[in-house]
């Protein structure tokens, strides 16, 4: 197995073990012939190219005559998604894990605890990734460093991942037209790619916010491991619940300071904007290029609303996935309200700088954002 970014067996998380565990436990994808698999991959690549043109024309985020950084489109299987995300997590979490490792090393038996803890946490992280790897349709991965297996843009930007087996699984589950559904998914994911390639400061801004959040963390290593263990136990049939029978807090709710709550509020607002914008664009472009878009949208919304088993709902809570669903809804309402009021070009002022991003309050009250950004700029 290829090592993830170097020596993957040291520190608080055994990253290579996380990949091996997730790869071993992830559910098999839908049954497809080799020829069908080749056709799916080829079609997703064609749709990704077509979606780029549709999204850029609709959003007008890329100025005419400007050529943004070209980032790769990778059609991957579930294992490919796992490897990409482990590499991204390792890059993002390394400052926090180094801090936790240093704290643990100063205690009695610290070296042994690091070695054992890294194995345990690697297995538990792998279990969580195996759960997620069968659910993600696509993702614009921004943080993993470029490698031969995971190429990136020339300036170290991200890459668009389309998870072929999951797309096939959902289109069959919804009984959707495969060609329409694949293009529909590509429209959403290409919007994320356009956001990051069209707004050069966005990636560094997000990374800076995340690193500030992690730098302010003052969490005992055992607490983090315990949260991972609760999620892993749920996969094994346990019940990740708190003292009152309620689901345990999500991993991101391990907020210890007012500073972190403030940063988390800003991150929530940005993610709501990005997800809602992608949904808005997908629905805006869809009727012109996806004949069955109305049927697909209705079925997909029903699927989102239904959720799944009690176990699945508990894991969604623990991992913060229920908050992600709210981000789609709240962000889409924000984008729609702003575009209705000031048009697409007026909305695009949101990408001017970090100062023009909406706050968490403004996501819920779009008129406040319009008043702050437009009236101030036009006065």
Protein backbone atom coordinates (compact mmCIF):
# COMPACT_ATOMS: atom_id res chain seq x y z
CA UNK A 1 0.00 0.00 0.00
CA UNK A 2 1.27 3.47 -0.83
CA UNK A 3 2.21 5.59 2.16
CA UNK A 4 0.06 8.69 2.61
CA UNK A 5 2.45 11.63 2.45
CA UNK A 6 5.43 9.93 4.04
CA UNK A 7 5.76 7.97 7.27
CA UNK A 8 2.16 7.20 7.98
CA UNK A 9 2.71 5.14 11.12
CA UNK A 10 3.95 7.82 13.49
CA UNK A 11 2.10 10.36 15.60
CA UNK A 12 -1.40 10.52 16.97
CA UNK A 13 -3.01 8.89 13.91
CA UNK A 14 -1.67 5.99 11.87
CA UNK A 15 -2.79 7.36 8.52
CA UNK A 16 -1.82 4.30 6.49
CA UNK A 17 -3.78 2.11 8.86
CA UNK A 18 -6.76 4.45 8.44
CA UNK A 19 -6.61 3.92 4.65
CA UNK A 20 -6.19 0.15 5.01
CA UNK A 21 -9.10 -0.10 7.47
CA UNK A 22 -11.45 2.03 5.39
CA UNK A 23 -10.55 0.17 2.20
CA UNK A 24 -11.17 -3.17 3.86
CA UNK A 25 -14.50 -2.19 5.42
CA UNK A 26 -16.07 -0.03 2.72
CA UNK A 27 -19.13 -1.55 1.09
CA UNK A 28 -18.70 -2.93 -2.41
CA UNK A 29 -20.07 -0.75 -5.16
CA UNK A 30 -22.93 -1.68 -7.48
CA UNK A 31 -22.38 -4.51 -9.90
CA UNK A 32 -21.26 -3.24 -13.30
CA UNK A 33 -19.48 -4.91 -16.16
CA UNK A 34 -16.00 -3.75 -17.13
CA UNK A 35 -17.40 -2.22 -20.30
CA UNK A 36 -20.13 -0.39 -18.40
CA UNK A 37 -17.58 0.93 -15.91
CA UNK A 38 -15.47 2.33 -18.75
CA UNK A 39 -18.55 3.97 -20.26
CA UNK A 40 -19.51 5.56 -16.92
CA UNK A 41 -16.02 7.00 -16.42
CA UNK A 42 -15.92 8.38 -19.97
CA UNK A 43 -19.36 9.92 -19.66
CA UNK A 44 -18.59 11.58 -16.33
CA UNK A 45 -15.48 13.14 -17.85
CA UNK A 46 -17.52 14.46 -20.80
CA UNK A 47 -20.20 15.82 -18.49
CA UNK A 48 -17.58 17.50 -16.30
CA UNK A 49 -16.22 19.35 -19.34
CA UNK A 50 -19.71 20.34 -20.45
CA UNK A 51 -20.68 21.40 -16.92
CA UNK A 52 -17.68 23.73 -16.77
CA UNK A 53 -19.00 25.73 -19.71
CA UNK A 54 -22.59 25.74 -18.41
CA UNK A 55 -21.61 26.82 -14.88
CA UNK A 56 -19.23 29.56 -15.96
CA UNK A 57 -21.81 30.96 -18.38
CA UNK A 58 -24.56 30.95 -15.75
CA UNK A 59 -22.59 32.26 -12.75
CA UNK A 60 -20.47 34.81 -14.64
CA UNK A 61 -17.81 34.30 -11.95
CA UNK A 62 -14.97 34.04 -14.48
CA UNK A 63 -14.37 37.43 -16.15
CA UNK A 64 -14.33 37.35 -19.94
CA UNK A 65 -10.82 36.83 -21.25
CA UNK A 66 -9.57 35.54 -17.88
CA UNK A 67 -8.18 32.01 -17.72
CA UNK A 68 -8.40 30.59 -14.19
CA UNK A 69 -6.10 27.90 -12.86
CA UNK A 70 -6.87 24.56 -14.47
CA UNK A 71 -7.44 21.88 -11.84
CA UNK A 72 -7.89 18.20 -12.70
CA UNK A 73 -11.13 16.22 -12.75
CA UNK A 74 -10.59 12.74 -11.31
CA UNK A 75 -13.18 9.98 -11.65
CA UNK A 76 -12.45 7.73 -8.67
CA UNK A 77 -13.76 4.66 -6.90
CA UNK A 78 -14.47 4.54 -3.17
CA UNK A 79 -10.87 3.68 -2.33
CA UNK A 80 -9.64 6.65 -4.36
CA UNK A 81 -11.97 8.95 -2.42
CA UNK A 82 -10.68 7.51 0.87
CA UNK A 83 -7.02 8.08 -0.05
CA UNK A 84 -7.68 11.65 -1.18
CA UNK A 85 -9.51 12.54 2.02
CA UNK A 86 -6.98 10.92 4.32
CA UNK A 87 -4.29 12.99 2.58
CA UNK A 88 -6.40 16.12 3.03
CA UNK A 89 -7.15 15.39 6.68
CA UNK A 90 -3.48 14.77 7.38
CA UNK A 91 -2.52 18.12 5.88
CA UNK A 92 -5.20 20.04 7.79
CA UNK A 93 -4.92 18.29 11.12
CA UNK A 94 -1.15 18.04 11.43
CA UNK A 95 -0.75 21.20 13.60
CA UNK A 96 -3.42 20.02 16.06
CA UNK A 97 -2.11 16.46 16.17
CA UNK A 98 1.45 17.69 16.73
CA UNK A 99 0.16 19.76 19.64
CA UNK A 100 -1.69 16.77 21.10
CA UNK A 101 1.31 14.51 20.60
CA UNK A 102 3.56 16.95 22.43
CA UNK A 103 1.14 17.14 25.34
CA UNK A 104 0.84 13.38 25.58
CA UNK A 105 4.61 12.83 25.26
CA UNK A 106 5.27 14.85 28.41
CA UNK A 107 3.21 12.43 30.49
CA UNK A 108 4.25 9.06 31.90
CA UNK A 109 4.48 6.41 29.19
CA UNK A 110 3.81 9.05 26.54
CA UNK A 111 5.80 7.34 23.78
CA UNK A 112 3.92 4.08 24.22
CA UNK A 113 0.58 5.91 24.35
CA UNK A 114 1.39 7.70 21.09
CA UNK A 115 2.22 4.46 19.31
CA UNK A 116 -0.81 2.58 20.62
CA UNK A 117 -3.12 5.58 20.30
CA UNK A 118 -2.08 6.12 16.70
CA UNK A 119 -3.06 2.55 15.82
CA UNK A 120 -6.39 2.76 17.63
CA UNK A 121 -7.28 6.15 16.17
CA UNK A 122 -6.21 5.02 12.69
CA UNK A 123 -8.63 2.09 12.88
CA UNK A 124 -11.45 4.28 14.17
CA UNK A 125 -10.88 6.96 11.53
CA UNK A 126 -10.84 4.22 8.91
CA UNK A 127 -14.21 2.95 10.12
CA UNK A 128 -15.72 6.41 9.79
CA UNK A 129 -14.29 6.91 6.32
CA UNK A 130 -15.65 3.55 5.21
CA UNK A 131 -19.11 4.80 6.20
CA UNK A 132 -18.74 8.08 4.29
CA UNK A 133 -17.04 6.62 1.22
CA UNK A 134 -20.21 4.94 -0.02
CA UNK A 135 -22.29 8.14 0.31
CA UNK A 136 -20.31 10.94 -1.35
CA UNK A 137 -21.20 11.57 -5.01
CA UNK A 138 -18.56 14.19 -5.68
CA UNK A 139 -16.26 16.60 -3.91
CA UNK A 140 -13.89 19.43 -4.71
CA UNK A 141 -10.93 18.40 -2.56
CA UNK A 142 -8.77 21.41 -1.81
CA UNK A 143 -6.17 20.59 0.81
CA UNK A 144 -4.33 17.35 -0.03
CA UNK A 145 -0.84 17.98 -1.45
CA UNK A 146 -0.28 17.01 -5.07
CA UNK A 147 1.08 13.52 -5.74
CA UNK A 148 1.28 11.22 -8.75
CA UNK A 149 -1.97 9.55 -7.67
CA UNK A 150 -3.59 12.84 -6.70
CA UNK A 151 -2.60 15.60 -9.15
CA UNK A 152 -3.56 19.20 -8.49
CA UNK A 153 -3.48 22.57 -10.18
CA UNK A 154 -0.19 24.22 -11.06
CA UNK A 155 -0.32 26.47 -8.00
CA UNK A 156 -1.14 23.62 -5.62
CA UNK A 157 -4.90 24.00 -5.89
CA UNK A 158 -7.35 21.17 -5.53
CA UNK A 159 -9.00 18.60 -7.71
CA UNK A 160 -12.57 17.61 -8.51
CA UNK A 161 -13.43 14.06 -7.42
CA UNK A 162 -16.40 12.25 -8.98
CA UNK A 163 -17.11 8.97 -7.17
CA UNK A 164 -18.39 6.78 -9.99
CA UNK A 165 -19.79 3.79 -8.03
CA UNK A 166 -21.80 6.06 -5.73
CA UNK A 167 -23.27 8.00 -8.65
CA UNK A 168 -24.32 4.74 -10.32
CA UNK A 169 -25.77 3.45 -7.03
CA UNK A 170 -27.93 6.55 -6.45
CA UNK A 171 -29.15 6.85 -10.03
CA UNK A 172 -30.33 3.23 -9.83
CA UNK A 173 -31.90 3.79 -6.40
CA UNK A 174 -33.82 6.80 -7.72
CA UNK A 175 -34.61 5.10 -11.03
CA UNK A 176 -33.33 8.27 -12.70
CA UNK A 177 -32.19 8.64 -16.28
CA UNK A 178 -28.45 7.83 -15.96
CA UNK A 179 -27.24 10.41 -18.48
CA UNK A 180 -29.33 13.20 -16.96
CA UNK A 181 -28.40 12.30 -13.39
CA UNK A 182 -24.67 12.21 -14.12
CA UNK A 183 -24.76 15.65 -15.75
CA UNK A 184 -26.88 16.98 -12.87
CA UNK A 185 -24.29 15.82 -10.33
CA UNK A 186 -21.48 17.29 -12.42
CA UNK A 187 -23.22 20.69 -12.47
CA UNK A 188 -23.21 20.81 -8.65
CA UNK A 189 -19.61 19.69 -8.28
CA UNK A 190 -18.34 21.87 -11.12
CA UNK A 191 -19.83 24.87 -9.32
CA UNK A 192 -17.52 24.12 -6.39
CA UNK A 193 -14.58 23.85 -8.77
CA UNK A 194 -15.52 27.22 -10.30
CA UNK A 195 -15.83 28.77 -6.84
CA UNK A 196 -12.26 27.84 -5.92
CA UNK A 197 -10.63 28.49 -9.31
CA UNK A 198 -12.57 31.72 -9.87
CA UNK A 199 -11.90 33.12 -6.38
CA UNK A 200 -8.13 32.81 -5.86
CA UNK A 201 -8.19 33.80 -2.18
CA UNK A 202 -10.93 31.36 -1.14
CA UNK A 203 -8.78 28.27 -0.52
CA UNK A 204 -6.22 30.14 1.61
CA UNK A 205 -8.99 31.89 3.51
CA UNK A 206 -10.70 28.63 4.41
CA UNK A 207 -7.43 26.97 5.33
CA UNK A 208 -6.53 29.93 7.52
CA UNK A 209 -9.87 29.80 9.33
CA UNK A 210 -9.54 26.06 9.92
CA UNK A 211 -5.97 26.40 11.19
CA UNK A 212 -7.03 29.23 13.53
CA UNK A 213 -9.79 27.00 14.86
CA UNK A 214 -7.40 24.12 15.42
CA UNK A 215 -4.73 26.34 16.96
CA UNK A 216 -7.23 27.49 19.58
CA UNK A 217 -8.16 23.92 20.49
CA UNK A 218 -7.45 22.93 24.05
CA UNK A 219 -8.88 19.44 24.07
CA UNK A 220 -7.50 16.50 25.96
CA UNK A 221 -6.38 13.87 23.41
CA UNK A 222 -8.50 11.27 25.16
CA UNK A 223 -11.64 13.33 24.53
CA UNK A 224 -11.07 13.39 20.78
CA UNK A 225 -10.29 9.69 20.72
CA UNK A 226 -13.46 9.03 22.71
CA UNK A 227 -15.56 10.87 20.13
CA UNK A 228 -13.99 8.77 17.38
CA UNK A 229 -14.64 5.65 19.44
CA UNK A 230 -18.32 6.54 19.86
CA UNK A 231 -18.73 6.84 16.12
CA UNK A 232 -16.84 3.61 15.50
CA UNK A 233 -19.00 1.79 18.07
CA UNK A 234 -22.08 2.97 16.21
CA UNK A 235 -20.79 1.26 13.09
CA UNK A 236 -20.40 -1.91 15.13
CA UNK A 237 -23.98 -1.67 16.40
CA UNK A 238 -23.45 0.49 19.46
CA UNK A 239 -25.45 3.58 20.36
CA UNK A 240 -23.57 6.90 20.25
CA UNK A 241 -25.76 8.64 22.79
CA UNK A 242 -25.23 11.05 25.62
CA UNK A 243 -26.33 10.79 29.21
CA UNK A 244 -29.93 11.75 28.47
CA UNK A 245 -30.36 9.36 25.56
CA UNK A 246 -29.67 12.11 23.02
CA UNK A 247 -27.10 11.68 20.24
CA UNK A 248 -23.60 12.73 21.27
CA UNK A 249 -22.32 16.12 20.11
CA UNK A 250 -20.80 16.18 16.65
CA UNK A 251 -17.01 16.17 16.33
CA UNK A 252 -17.04 19.86 15.38
CA UNK A 253 -18.99 20.64 18.55
CA UNK A 254 -15.87 20.03 20.64
CA UNK A 255 -15.62 23.81 20.85
CA UNK A 256 -13.89 24.97 23.98
CA UNK A 257 -13.52 28.73 23.64
CA UNK A 258 -15.51 31.79 22.55
CA UNK A 259 -12.85 32.36 19.88
CA UNK A 260 -13.54 28.95 18.40
CA UNK A 261 -17.29 29.51 18.44
CA UNK A 262 -16.75 32.71 16.49
CA UNK A 263 -14.53 30.98 13.92
CA UNK A 264 -16.98 28.09 13.61
CA UNK A 265 -19.79 30.56 12.95
CA UNK A 266 -17.80 32.08 10.08
CA UNK A 267 -16.95 28.65 8.66
CA UNK A 268 -20.60 27.59 8.85
CA UNK A 269 -21.62 30.70 6.93
CA UNK A 270 -19.02 30.12 4.20
CA UNK A 271 -19.94 26.46 3.80
CA UNK A 272 -23.63 27.37 3.64
CA UNK A 273 -22.82 29.87 0.90
CA UNK A 274 -20.74 27.39 -1.12
CA UNK A 275 -23.23 24.51 -0.85
CA UNK A 276 -26.29 26.68 -1.40
CA UNK A 277 -24.70 28.38 -4.40
CA UNK A 278 -23.95 24.97 -5.94
CA UNK A 279 -27.55 23.86 -5.45
CA UNK A 280 -28.86 27.14 -6.87
CA UNK A 281 -26.66 26.89 -9.96
CA UNK A 282 -27.50 23.21 -10.46
CA UNK A 283 -31.21 24.05 -10.46
CA UNK A 284 -30.72 27.17 -12.59
CA UNK A 285 -28.76 25.45 -15.33
CA UNK A 286 -30.61 22.15 -15.09
CA UNK A 287 -33.84 22.93 -16.96
CA UNK A 288 -31.90 23.94 -20.09
CA UNK A 289 -29.57 20.94 -20.26
CA UNK A 290 -31.09 18.14 -18.13
CA UNK A 291 -34.49 17.12 -19.55
CA UNK A 292 -35.63 15.22 -16.46
CA UNK A 293 -34.24 17.68 -13.90
CA UNK A 294 -37.58 18.27 -12.13
CA UNK A 295 -38.10 14.54 -11.55
CA UNK A 296 -34.48 14.05 -10.42
CA UNK A 297 -34.66 16.99 -8.02
CA UNK A 298 -37.90 15.80 -6.43
CA UNK A 299 -36.63 12.25 -5.95
CA UNK A 300 -33.30 13.45 -4.62
CA UNK A 301 -34.91 15.81 -2.12
CA UNK A 302 -37.14 12.99 -0.90
CA UNK A 303 -34.06 10.82 -0.47
CA UNK A 304 -32.32 13.54 1.56
CA UNK A 305 -35.39 14.06 3.74
CA UNK A 306 -35.96 10.36 4.42
CA UNK A 307 -32.54 9.84 5.90
CA UNK A 308 -32.00 6.21 6.78
CA UNK A 309 -31.87 3.94 9.79
CA UNK A 310 -31.55 5.10 13.37
CA UNK A 311 -27.89 4.15 13.21
CA UNK A 312 -27.40 6.28 10.12
CA UNK A 313 -29.14 9.24 11.74
CA UNK A 314 -26.98 8.90 14.87
CA UNK A 315 -23.83 8.90 12.78
CA UNK A 316 -25.05 11.88 10.78
CA UNK A 317 -25.45 13.78 14.04
CA UNK A 318 -22.07 12.68 15.38
CA UNK A 319 -20.26 13.64 12.19
CA UNK A 320 -22.17 16.87 11.71
CA UNK A 321 -23.83 15.69 8.46
CA UNK A 322 -27.24 16.90 9.59
CA UNK A 323 -25.74 20.39 9.75
CA UNK A 324 -24.51 19.93 6.17
CA UNK A 325 -28.07 19.28 4.99
CA UNK A 326 -29.17 22.50 6.66
CA UNK A 327 -26.35 24.29 4.86
CA UNK A 328 -27.77 23.24 1.48
CA UNK A 329 -31.21 24.62 2.40
CA UNK A 330 -30.14 27.81 4.16
CA UNK A 331 -27.45 28.66 1.63
CA UNK A 332 -29.71 28.11 -1.36
CA UNK A 333 -32.36 30.39 0.15
CA UNK A 334 -29.71 33.08 0.73
CA UNK A 335 -28.40 32.92 -2.84
CA UNK A 336 -31.89 32.92 -4.34
CA UNK A 337 -33.02 35.90 -2.25
CA UNK A 338 -29.92 37.95 -3.08
CA UNK A 339 -30.05 37.19 -6.82
CA UNK A 340 -33.76 38.08 -6.85
CA UNK A 341 -32.96 41.41 -5.23
CA UNK A 342 -29.72 42.53 -6.94
CA UNK A 343 -29.17 40.11 -9.84
CA UNK A 344 -26.35 37.65 -10.48
CA UNK A 345 -23.67 40.33 -10.87
CA UNK A 346 -24.84 41.92 -7.64
CA UNK A 347 -24.67 38.58 -5.90
CA UNK A 348 -21.14 38.04 -7.23
CA UNK A 349 -19.90 40.84 -5.00
CA UNK A 350 -19.86 38.12 -2.36
CA UNK A 351 -16.59 36.88 -3.93
CA UNK A 352 -14.80 40.25 -3.66
CA UNK A 353 -12.92 39.52 -0.43
CA UNK A 354 -13.34 37.75 2.91
CA UNK A 355 -15.03 40.94 4.15
CA UNK A 356 -17.91 40.53 1.68
CA UNK A 357 -18.69 36.95 2.66
CA UNK A 358 -22.01 36.67 4.52
CA UNK A 359 -22.05 36.19 8.26
CA UNK A 360 -23.99 33.36 9.84
CA UNK A 361 -26.74 35.86 10.71
CA UNK A 362 -26.81 37.22 7.16
CA UNK A 363 -27.25 33.73 5.71
CA UNK A 364 -30.59 33.69 7.52
CA UNK A 365 -31.29 37.36 6.70
CA UNK A 366 -30.11 38.01 3.12
CA UNK A 367 -31.42 41.57 3.12
CA UNK A 368 -28.89 42.42 5.84
CA UNK A 369 -26.05 41.28 3.56
CA UNK A 370 -27.43 43.34 0.67
CA UNK A 371 -27.69 46.39 2.93
CA UNK A 372 -24.15 45.97 4.25
CA UNK A 373 -22.34 45.17 1.00
CA UNK A 374 -24.34 47.09 -1.62
CA UNK A 375 -25.39 50.20 0.20
CA UNK A 376 -21.92 50.68 1.64
CA UNK A 377 -20.29 50.12 -1.76
CA UNK A 378 -22.80 52.31 -3.63
CA UNK A 379 -22.88 55.19 -1.16
